[in-house]
Protein backbone atom coordinates (compact mmCIF):
# COMPACT_ATOMS: atom_id res chain seq x y z
CA MET A 1 21.66 16.23 15.61
CA LYS A 2 18.50 14.61 14.22
CA THR A 3 15.45 16.79 13.65
CA VAL A 4 11.86 15.60 14.05
CA ALA A 5 9.03 17.61 12.51
CA ILE A 6 5.89 17.79 14.67
CA LEU A 7 2.59 18.39 12.86
CA ALA A 8 -0.16 19.75 15.11
CA THR A 9 -2.96 22.30 15.38
CA LEU A 10 -1.24 24.51 17.92
CA ASP A 11 -4.40 26.42 18.84
CA THR A 12 -5.72 23.24 20.54
CA LYS A 13 -2.64 21.00 20.88
CA ALA A 14 0.02 23.43 22.09
CA ASP A 15 0.62 21.74 25.45
CA GLU A 16 0.93 18.31 23.86
CA ALA A 17 3.17 19.48 21.02
CA GLY A 18 5.35 21.44 23.41
CA PHE A 19 5.70 18.40 25.64
CA MET A 20 6.74 16.25 22.68
CA ARG A 21 9.29 18.85 21.67
CA SER A 22 10.82 18.82 25.15
CA GLU A 23 10.95 15.01 25.09
CA ILE A 24 12.78 14.98 21.75
CA GLU A 25 15.21 17.61 23.00
CA SER A 26 15.85 15.63 26.18
CA LEU A 27 16.90 12.69 24.00
CA GLY A 28 19.45 14.85 22.22
CA GLY A 29 17.36 15.72 19.19
CA GLN A 30 15.76 18.82 17.77
CA ALA A 31 12.07 19.42 17.06
CA LEU A 32 10.54 21.59 14.37
CA LEU A 33 6.92 22.64 15.08
CA ILE A 34 4.58 23.07 12.10
CA ASP A 35 1.24 24.71 12.89
CA LEU A 36 -1.78 23.29 11.04
CA SER A 37 -4.41 25.39 12.80
CA LEU A 38 -6.71 28.00 11.32
CA VAL A 39 -8.46 30.04 14.02
CA GLY A 40 -7.29 30.81 17.51
CA GLU A 41 -3.91 31.81 18.84
CA SER A 42 -1.32 29.61 20.43
CA LYS A 43 0.84 30.28 23.48
CA LEU A 44 3.50 28.17 21.77
CA SER A 45 5.51 29.70 18.94
CA ALA A 46 5.67 27.58 15.78
CA ASP A 47 8.81 27.21 13.73
CA ILE A 48 6.59 27.24 10.65
CA THR A 49 3.46 29.28 11.26
CA LYS A 50 -0.07 28.71 10.03
CA GLN A 51 0.32 31.79 7.82
CA GLU A 52 3.33 30.18 6.13
CA VAL A 53 1.54 26.85 5.74
CA ILE A 54 -1.60 28.31 4.19
CA SER A 55 0.39 30.64 1.94
CA ALA A 56 2.50 27.71 0.69
CA GLY A 57 -0.77 25.99 -0.22
CA GLY A 58 -1.97 28.94 -2.28
CA GLY A 59 -4.33 30.43 0.32
CA ASN A 60 -4.61 33.64 2.28
CA LEU A 61 -5.14 33.38 6.05
CA ALA A 62 -6.86 36.75 6.37
CA GLU A 63 -9.39 35.87 3.68
CA LEU A 64 -10.05 32.43 5.19
CA LEU A 65 -10.70 34.00 8.59
CA VAL A 66 -13.56 36.16 7.28
CA LYS A 67 -15.87 33.14 7.42
CA PRO A 68 -13.62 30.41 8.80
CA ASN A 69 -14.51 26.78 8.17
CA ARG A 70 -12.42 23.64 7.82
CA GLU A 71 -14.00 22.57 4.54
CA GLN A 72 -12.75 25.70 2.82
CA SER A 73 -9.38 25.99 4.54
CA ASN A 74 -8.28 22.35 4.76
CA PRO A 75 -7.17 22.01 1.11
CA PHE A 76 -4.81 24.98 1.57
CA ILE A 77 -3.46 23.61 4.86
CA VAL A 78 -2.86 20.12 3.44
CA ALA A 79 -1.29 21.40 0.23
CA GLY A 80 0.93 23.88 2.06
CA ALA A 81 2.09 21.48 4.74
CA THR A 82 2.74 18.79 2.15
CA LYS A 83 4.89 21.14 0.09
CA ILE A 84 6.83 22.35 3.12
CA VAL A 85 7.42 18.92 4.64
CA LYS A 86 8.51 17.41 1.32
CA GLU A 87 10.98 20.25 0.77
CA LEU A 88 12.37 19.80 4.29
CA GLN A 89 12.72 16.05 3.76
CA GLU A 90 14.33 16.35 0.33
CA SER A 91 16.84 18.91 1.59
CA GLY A 92 17.74 16.73 4.58
CA LYS A 93 16.53 19.29 7.13
CA ILE A 94 14.24 16.81 8.90
CA ASN A 95 14.86 13.14 9.67
CA ALA A 96 11.40 12.04 10.82
CA VAL A 97 7.88 13.38 11.24
CA VAL A 98 5.27 12.79 13.91
CA SER A 99 1.68 14.04 13.92
CA LEU A 100 -0.93 14.08 16.66
CA GLY A 101 -4.65 14.56 16.52
CA GLY A 102 -8.20 13.27 16.63
CA THR A 103 -10.25 12.32 13.61
CA GLN A 104 -9.95 15.77 12.03
CA GLY A 105 -6.24 16.10 12.74
CA THR A 106 -5.59 12.55 11.57
CA SER A 107 -7.52 13.14 8.34
CA THR A 108 -5.55 16.33 7.74
CA CYS A 109 -2.16 14.76 8.40
CA ALA A 110 -2.74 11.52 6.51
CA PRO A 111 -2.21 12.90 2.98
CA ILE A 112 0.81 14.88 4.16
CA LEU A 113 2.51 11.76 5.50
CA GLN A 114 1.40 9.69 2.51
CA ALA A 115 3.22 12.13 0.22
CA LEU A 116 6.57 11.31 1.83
CA PRO A 117 8.76 8.58 0.30
CA TYR A 118 9.02 5.00 1.49
CA GLY A 119 11.54 4.55 4.29
CA PHE A 120 11.29 8.06 5.70
CA PRO A 121 10.05 7.73 9.33
CA LYS A 122 6.42 8.81 9.72
CA ILE A 123 4.41 8.35 12.91
CA MET A 124 0.79 9.28 13.51
CA LEU A 125 -0.44 9.45 17.11
CA SER A 126 -4.21 9.29 16.76
CA THR A 127 -7.41 8.67 18.66
CA ALA A 128 -8.64 6.88 15.50
CA ALA A 129 -5.85 4.30 15.38
CA SER A 130 -7.85 1.44 16.87
CA GLY A 131 -10.41 1.33 14.04
CA ASP A 132 -10.05 0.98 10.28
CA THR A 133 -6.78 2.79 9.58
CA SER A 134 -6.63 2.04 5.84
CA PRO A 135 -7.78 5.54 4.77
CA PHE A 136 -5.02 7.10 6.86
CA VAL A 137 -2.18 4.70 6.01
CA GLY A 138 -3.02 4.09 2.35
CA ILE A 139 -0.08 2.28 0.76
CA LYS A 140 2.67 4.07 2.69
CA ASP A 141 4.76 2.88 5.65
CA ILE A 142 3.01 5.05 8.23
CA THR A 143 3.21 3.89 11.83
CA MET A 144 -0.08 4.58 13.60
CA MET A 145 -0.20 4.69 17.39
CA PHE A 146 -3.44 4.65 19.37
CA ALA A 147 -3.64 7.56 21.83
CA VAL A 148 -6.22 5.66 23.98
CA SER A 149 -7.38 8.84 25.73
CA ASP A 150 -8.29 12.01 23.89
CA ILE A 151 -5.33 14.23 23.01
CA LEU A 152 -6.56 17.05 25.18
CA GLY A 153 -4.40 18.13 28.07
CA LEU A 154 -1.42 16.69 29.92
CA ASN A 155 -1.95 14.14 32.67
CA VAL A 156 -0.30 11.12 34.23
CA PHE A 157 -1.42 8.94 31.30
CA SER A 158 -1.08 11.23 28.27
CA ARG A 159 2.46 12.31 29.15
CA LYS A 160 3.69 8.74 28.79
CA ILE A 161 1.85 8.17 25.50
CA LEU A 162 3.15 11.42 24.05
CA ALA A 163 6.66 10.60 25.28
CA ASN A 164 6.49 7.18 23.60
CA ALA A 165 5.45 8.72 20.28
CA ALA A 166 8.21 11.34 20.50
CA ALA A 167 10.81 8.72 21.39
CA ALA A 168 9.66 6.46 18.56
CA ALA A 169 10.09 9.25 16.00
CA TRP A 170 13.48 10.22 17.43
CA GLY A 171 14.57 6.57 17.52
CA MET A 172 13.59 5.97 13.90
CA ALA A 173 15.51 9.07 12.91
CA GLN A 174 18.72 7.53 14.30
CA SER A 175 18.75 4.71 11.76
CA GLU A 176 21.18 5.25 8.90
CA GLN A 177 19.54 2.49 6.86
CA CYS A 178 17.87 3.88 3.76
CA ILE A 179 16.35 2.78 0.49
CA THR A 180 19.10 3.34 -2.05
CA LYS A 181 19.98 1.92 -5.42
CA SER A 182 20.27 -1.84 -5.03
CA GLU A 183 23.69 -3.43 -5.38
CA ALA A 184 22.02 -6.45 -6.97
CA LYS A 185 21.62 -6.80 -10.73
CA GLY A 186 18.07 -5.55 -10.38
CA VAL A 187 15.00 -5.51 -8.17
CA ILE A 188 11.99 -7.70 -8.96
CA GLY A 189 8.54 -6.80 -7.63
CA MET A 190 6.43 -9.92 -7.01
CA SER A 191 2.81 -10.17 -5.90
CA ASN A 192 1.87 -13.16 -3.77
CA LEU A 193 -1.01 -14.84 -1.97
CA GLY A 194 -1.04 -17.57 0.65
CA VAL A 195 -2.31 -20.00 -2.00
CA LEU A 196 0.89 -19.34 -4.02
CA THR A 197 3.53 -19.06 -1.30
CA GLN A 198 5.46 -22.24 -2.15
CA GLY A 199 5.86 -21.04 -5.71
CA ALA A 200 6.83 -17.56 -4.53
CA MET A 201 9.55 -19.01 -2.31
CA ARG A 202 10.92 -20.95 -5.29
CA ALA A 203 10.96 -17.78 -7.38
CA ILE A 204 12.80 -15.80 -4.70
CA LYS A 205 15.47 -18.51 -4.47
CA LEU A 206 15.99 -18.59 -8.23
CA PHE A 207 16.14 -14.80 -8.56
CA GLU A 208 18.60 -14.48 -5.69
CA GLU A 209 20.82 -17.22 -7.11
CA ALA A 210 20.94 -15.19 -10.33
CA GLY A 211 21.95 -12.03 -8.45
CA TYR A 212 18.61 -10.24 -8.14
CA GLU A 213 16.64 -8.93 -5.15
CA VAL A 214 12.92 -9.57 -4.76
CA ILE A 215 10.38 -7.36 -2.98
CA THR A 216 7.26 -9.44 -2.33
CA PHE A 217 3.82 -7.86 -1.87
CA HIS A 218 0.83 -9.52 -0.23
CA ALA A 219 -1.77 -9.03 -2.96
CA ILE A 220 -4.77 -8.17 -0.81
CA GLY A 221 -5.41 -4.60 -1.98
CA ALA A 222 -2.80 -2.27 -0.55
CA GLY A 223 0.00 -4.73 -1.39
CA GLY A 224 -0.50 -4.70 -5.13
CA ASP A 225 -1.09 -0.97 -5.16
CA ALA A 226 2.16 -0.43 -3.25
CA MET A 227 3.99 -2.54 -5.84
CA GLU A 228 2.61 -0.28 -8.57
CA GLN A 229 3.78 2.81 -6.65
CA MET A 230 7.31 1.42 -6.29
CA MET A 231 7.43 0.89 -10.04
CA LYS A 232 6.68 4.60 -10.49
CA GLU A 233 9.38 5.54 -7.98
CA GLY A 234 11.97 3.50 -9.87
CA ILE A 235 12.60 1.05 -7.04
CA ILE A 236 11.40 -1.94 -9.08
CA ASN A 237 12.96 -2.92 -12.43
CA ALA A 238 10.78 -5.88 -13.44
CA VAL A 239 7.59 -7.55 -12.25
CA PHE A 240 6.46 -11.10 -11.54
CA ASP A 241 2.74 -10.44 -11.05
CA TYR A 242 1.98 -13.84 -9.56
CA GLY A 243 -1.22 -13.10 -7.61
CA LEU A 244 -4.20 -11.44 -9.30
CA GLY A 245 -6.83 -11.96 -6.63
CA GLU A 246 -6.98 -8.16 -6.37
CA ILE A 247 -8.43 -8.03 -9.88
CA ALA A 248 -11.19 -10.53 -9.12
CA ASP A 249 -12.08 -8.95 -5.79
CA GLY A 250 -11.98 -5.50 -7.35
CA ILE A 251 -14.90 -6.36 -9.64
CA TRP A 252 -17.14 -7.23 -6.69
CA GLY A 253 -15.59 -4.75 -4.24
CA VAL A 254 -14.63 -7.34 -1.64
CA LEU A 255 -11.67 -8.05 0.63
CA ARG A 256 -8.65 -8.08 -1.71
CA ALA A 257 -9.81 -5.35 -4.11
CA GLY A 258 -6.97 -3.44 -5.76
CA GLY A 259 -7.01 0.15 -6.94
CA PRO A 260 -7.87 1.39 -10.45
CA GLU A 261 -4.24 1.31 -11.62
CA ARG A 262 -3.67 -2.29 -10.60
CA LEU A 263 -2.06 -4.33 -13.43
CA THR A 264 -1.55 -1.29 -15.67
CA VAL A 265 1.59 0.48 -14.46
CA ALA A 266 4.29 -1.96 -15.62
CA GLY A 267 2.81 -1.88 -19.11
CA LYS A 268 2.64 1.90 -19.20
CA LEU A 269 6.25 2.17 -17.98
CA GLY A 270 7.50 -0.56 -20.33
CA LEU A 271 8.86 -2.72 -17.51
CA PRO A 272 9.37 -6.42 -18.23
CA GLN A 273 6.61 -8.42 -16.58
CA VAL A 274 5.30 -11.95 -16.26
CA VAL A 275 1.63 -12.20 -15.32
CA VAL A 276 0.08 -15.32 -13.80
CA PRO A 277 -3.64 -15.18 -12.85
CA GLY A 278 -2.88 -16.68 -9.45
CA GLY A 279 -5.80 -16.71 -7.04
CA SER A 280 -8.14 -15.00 -9.49
CA GLU A 281 -10.51 -17.96 -9.80
CA HIS A 282 -11.98 -17.23 -6.37
CA LEU A 283 -12.97 -14.31 -4.15
CA GLY A 284 -12.11 -13.40 -0.56
CA ILE A 285 -15.18 -12.13 1.26
CA LEU A 286 -15.08 -10.89 4.86
CA VAL A 287 -18.18 -12.01 6.80
CA ASN A 288 -19.60 -10.77 10.09
CA GLU A 289 -20.73 -14.17 11.35
CA PRO A 290 -18.12 -16.96 11.30
CA ASN A 291 -18.68 -19.76 8.79
CA LYS A 292 -21.95 -18.29 7.50
CA ILE A 293 -22.27 -18.36 3.71
CA PRO A 294 -23.30 -14.94 2.36
CA ALA A 295 -26.53 -14.71 0.40
CA GLY A 296 -26.12 -15.38 -3.32
CA TYR A 297 -23.29 -17.90 -3.01
CA GLU A 298 -25.26 -20.98 -1.99
CA ASN A 299 -24.69 -22.63 -5.40
CA HIS A 300 -20.96 -21.93 -5.58
CA GLN A 301 -18.13 -24.30 -4.85
CA ILE A 302 -16.72 -22.92 -1.59
CA THR A 303 -14.08 -23.09 1.10
CA TRP A 304 -13.02 -20.92 4.06
CA HIS A 305 -9.66 -19.17 4.37
CA SER A 306 -10.54 -18.53 8.01
CA PRO A 307 -13.87 -18.54 9.89
CA TYR A 308 -14.34 -14.91 8.79
CA VAL A 309 -12.96 -15.06 5.23
CA PHE A 310 -15.34 -16.84 2.86
CA VAL A 311 -13.87 -18.15 -0.42
CA PRO A 312 -16.25 -19.00 -3.28
CA ARG A 313 -15.03 -20.38 -6.61
CA LEU A 314 -16.27 -18.13 -9.39
CA ASN A 315 -18.66 -19.69 -11.88
CA ALA A 316 -18.15 -19.62 -15.64
CA GLU A 317 -19.85 -16.28 -16.21
CA GLU A 318 -18.01 -14.63 -13.31
CA GLN A 319 -14.66 -15.96 -14.52
CA GLY A 320 -15.46 -14.42 -17.88
CA GLN A 321 -15.86 -11.03 -16.19
CA VAL A 322 -12.45 -11.41 -14.56
CA ALA A 323 -10.86 -12.40 -17.87
CA LYS A 324 -12.35 -9.32 -19.53
CA VAL A 325 -10.92 -6.96 -16.89
CA ILE A 326 -7.49 -8.61 -17.05
CA GLY A 327 -7.51 -8.20 -20.83
CA GLU A 328 -8.48 -4.54 -20.57
CA LYS A 329 -5.78 -3.79 -18.03
CA LEU A 330 -3.08 -5.55 -20.04
CA SER A 331 -4.01 -3.58 -23.14
CA HIS A 332 -1.51 -1.01 -21.86
CA SER A 333 1.28 -3.58 -22.31
CA THR A 334 2.91 -3.61 -25.73
CA LYS A 335 6.17 -5.46 -25.18
CA ASP A 336 8.19 -7.51 -22.73
CA THR A 337 5.02 -8.97 -21.22
CA LEU A 338 4.37 -12.69 -20.85
CA PHE A 339 0.99 -13.99 -19.68
CA LEU A 340 1.58 -17.46 -18.28
CA MET A 341 -1.42 -19.72 -17.68
CA PRO A 342 -1.18 -22.83 -15.45
CA LEU A 343 -3.83 -25.19 -16.85
CA LYS A 344 -4.01 -27.44 -13.78
CA GLY A 345 -5.04 -24.80 -11.25
CA VAL A 346 -4.20 -21.15 -10.69
CA SER A 347 -3.89 -21.60 -6.91
CA SER A 348 -3.54 -24.34 -4.32
CA TYR A 349 -7.32 -24.15 -3.82
CA SER A 350 -8.06 -25.10 -7.43
CA ALA A 351 -5.19 -27.57 -7.91
CA GLU A 352 -5.99 -31.27 -7.66
CA GLY A 353 -6.82 -32.07 -4.04
CA GLY A 354 -7.85 -28.48 -3.30
CA GLU A 355 -11.29 -27.53 -2.09
CA LEU A 356 -12.03 -25.56 -5.30
CA TYR A 357 -10.69 -28.15 -7.75
CA ASN A 358 -12.83 -28.04 -10.91
CA THR A 359 -11.27 -28.91 -14.27
CA GLU A 360 -14.37 -27.83 -16.20
CA LEU A 361 -14.20 -24.32 -14.76
CA ASP A 362 -10.43 -24.26 -15.35
CA ASP A 363 -11.00 -24.95 -19.05
CA VAL A 364 -13.71 -22.29 -19.32
CA TYR A 365 -11.48 -19.72 -17.60
CA TRP A 366 -8.66 -20.36 -20.03
CA GLU A 367 -11.02 -20.07 -23.00
CA SER A 368 -12.27 -16.73 -21.70
CA LEU A 369 -8.75 -15.43 -21.14
CA GLN A 370 -7.63 -16.35 -24.64
CA LYS A 371 -10.52 -14.33 -26.07
CA GLU A 372 -9.78 -11.27 -23.93
CA LEU A 373 -5.97 -11.02 -23.78
CA PRO A 374 -4.51 -8.42 -26.18
CA ASN A 375 -2.44 -9.62 -29.12
CA THR A 376 0.33 -7.19 -28.16
CA ILE A 377 1.65 -9.49 -25.43
CA GLU A 378 3.07 -13.02 -25.35
CA VAL A 379 0.66 -15.68 -24.10
CA GLU A 380 1.64 -19.19 -23.07
CA SER A 381 -0.01 -22.05 -21.23
CA MET A 382 1.63 -24.85 -19.28
CA ASP A 383 0.07 -28.15 -18.26
CA VAL A 384 1.03 -27.65 -14.62
CA THR A 385 -0.26 -25.93 -11.46
CA ALA A 386 0.57 -22.34 -10.54
CA GLN A 387 3.18 -23.42 -7.99
CA ASP A 388 4.92 -25.98 -10.17
CA GLN A 389 8.70 -25.62 -10.42
CA ALA A 390 8.58 -25.58 -14.22
CA LEU A 391 6.20 -22.62 -14.34
CA VAL A 392 8.19 -20.68 -11.79
CA GLU A 393 11.42 -21.32 -13.69
CA ARG A 394 9.81 -20.15 -16.94
CA ALA A 395 8.69 -16.90 -15.31
CA VAL A 396 12.06 -16.24 -13.67
CA ASN A 397 14.07 -17.04 -16.80
CA TYR A 398 11.85 -14.81 -18.96
CA LEU A 399 12.40 -11.79 -16.75
CA ILE A 400 16.13 -12.36 -16.39
CA GLU A 401 16.47 -12.68 -20.15
CA LYS A 402 14.59 -9.42 -20.71
CA LEU A 403 16.69 -7.60 -18.11
CA GLU A 404 20.03 -8.88 -19.35
CA ASN A 405 19.53 -8.64 -23.12
């Protein structure tokens, strides 16, 4: 029998949580109710009470109730629920988790679900799921479901939505597929952008022919950060960091910006890595008005990825800033790192025939990179484009050699 944990504030969501429990039980499963509330009593008994949750987080319910407020209590609730849910998951006592709530409940449950490992089923039924969900999902495989109506009472509409969420969690729990140790020779993490996809496909083919698996990450912020997290979790054995647009966008805080650890983790862990500055010669900027150039970029060489994604080629000074950050981040790498520079364009945009083709800026970028890259890593240049077969083969062969010798 599969068990689904239900996270809810039972002082306000008892009817809804109870209904979800009955739906899971009707499907042949078992539900485990975890109470995330602070004040108020519930007519529904929790399997794990709010006292147990707060105590597990290092708090005392009686003390918190003297002058109750969410700002003070929430850290204890989140910490306690996270500890409890992780212990239940690690011991195999739950097979999925589903949460339900508004903005406050969603914000409370997000870090709890984010703490669970990749592959473990996690569903968040939320009134906030139709807006920007990035703060709630982060870099984890959380399935967010829009509640449409407020989660407040049972009615002809909410029953069906709650039933769908319950059934989705129960259904995911049935799958026996899991992330285990790969049967391949190793697992390669590879970042990619649309302007590098042909090269990425060539790399995947070569790695697979050699007996390796490849996990590819769309390098537009969360993708690269997720790749770094999988390195920490031991899922990835080597890295082909092919797309560095997250580094460029991170400097200006625009669309593809990566997190602070981007391009540092493989070096710190000592994983073999090949780094290509793919897509780092331009930015991706989301605009409100289609095809309208943002102020300050009138003198840049430009193109459009879509009517709402503006793509300016960085000028010489801006490319120098990117080179400096890349050098700083790679200072953590002391061995088994190859920086591979394609001299004829680091993306399809800047290759000959592309809208951002500019050999003068290419030369300046390479000069800046040579000044900034640490002398602890290997640095090579090739007189080809980023997607050229020869460059891809060099990257693949380097990593395979490091893994097999």
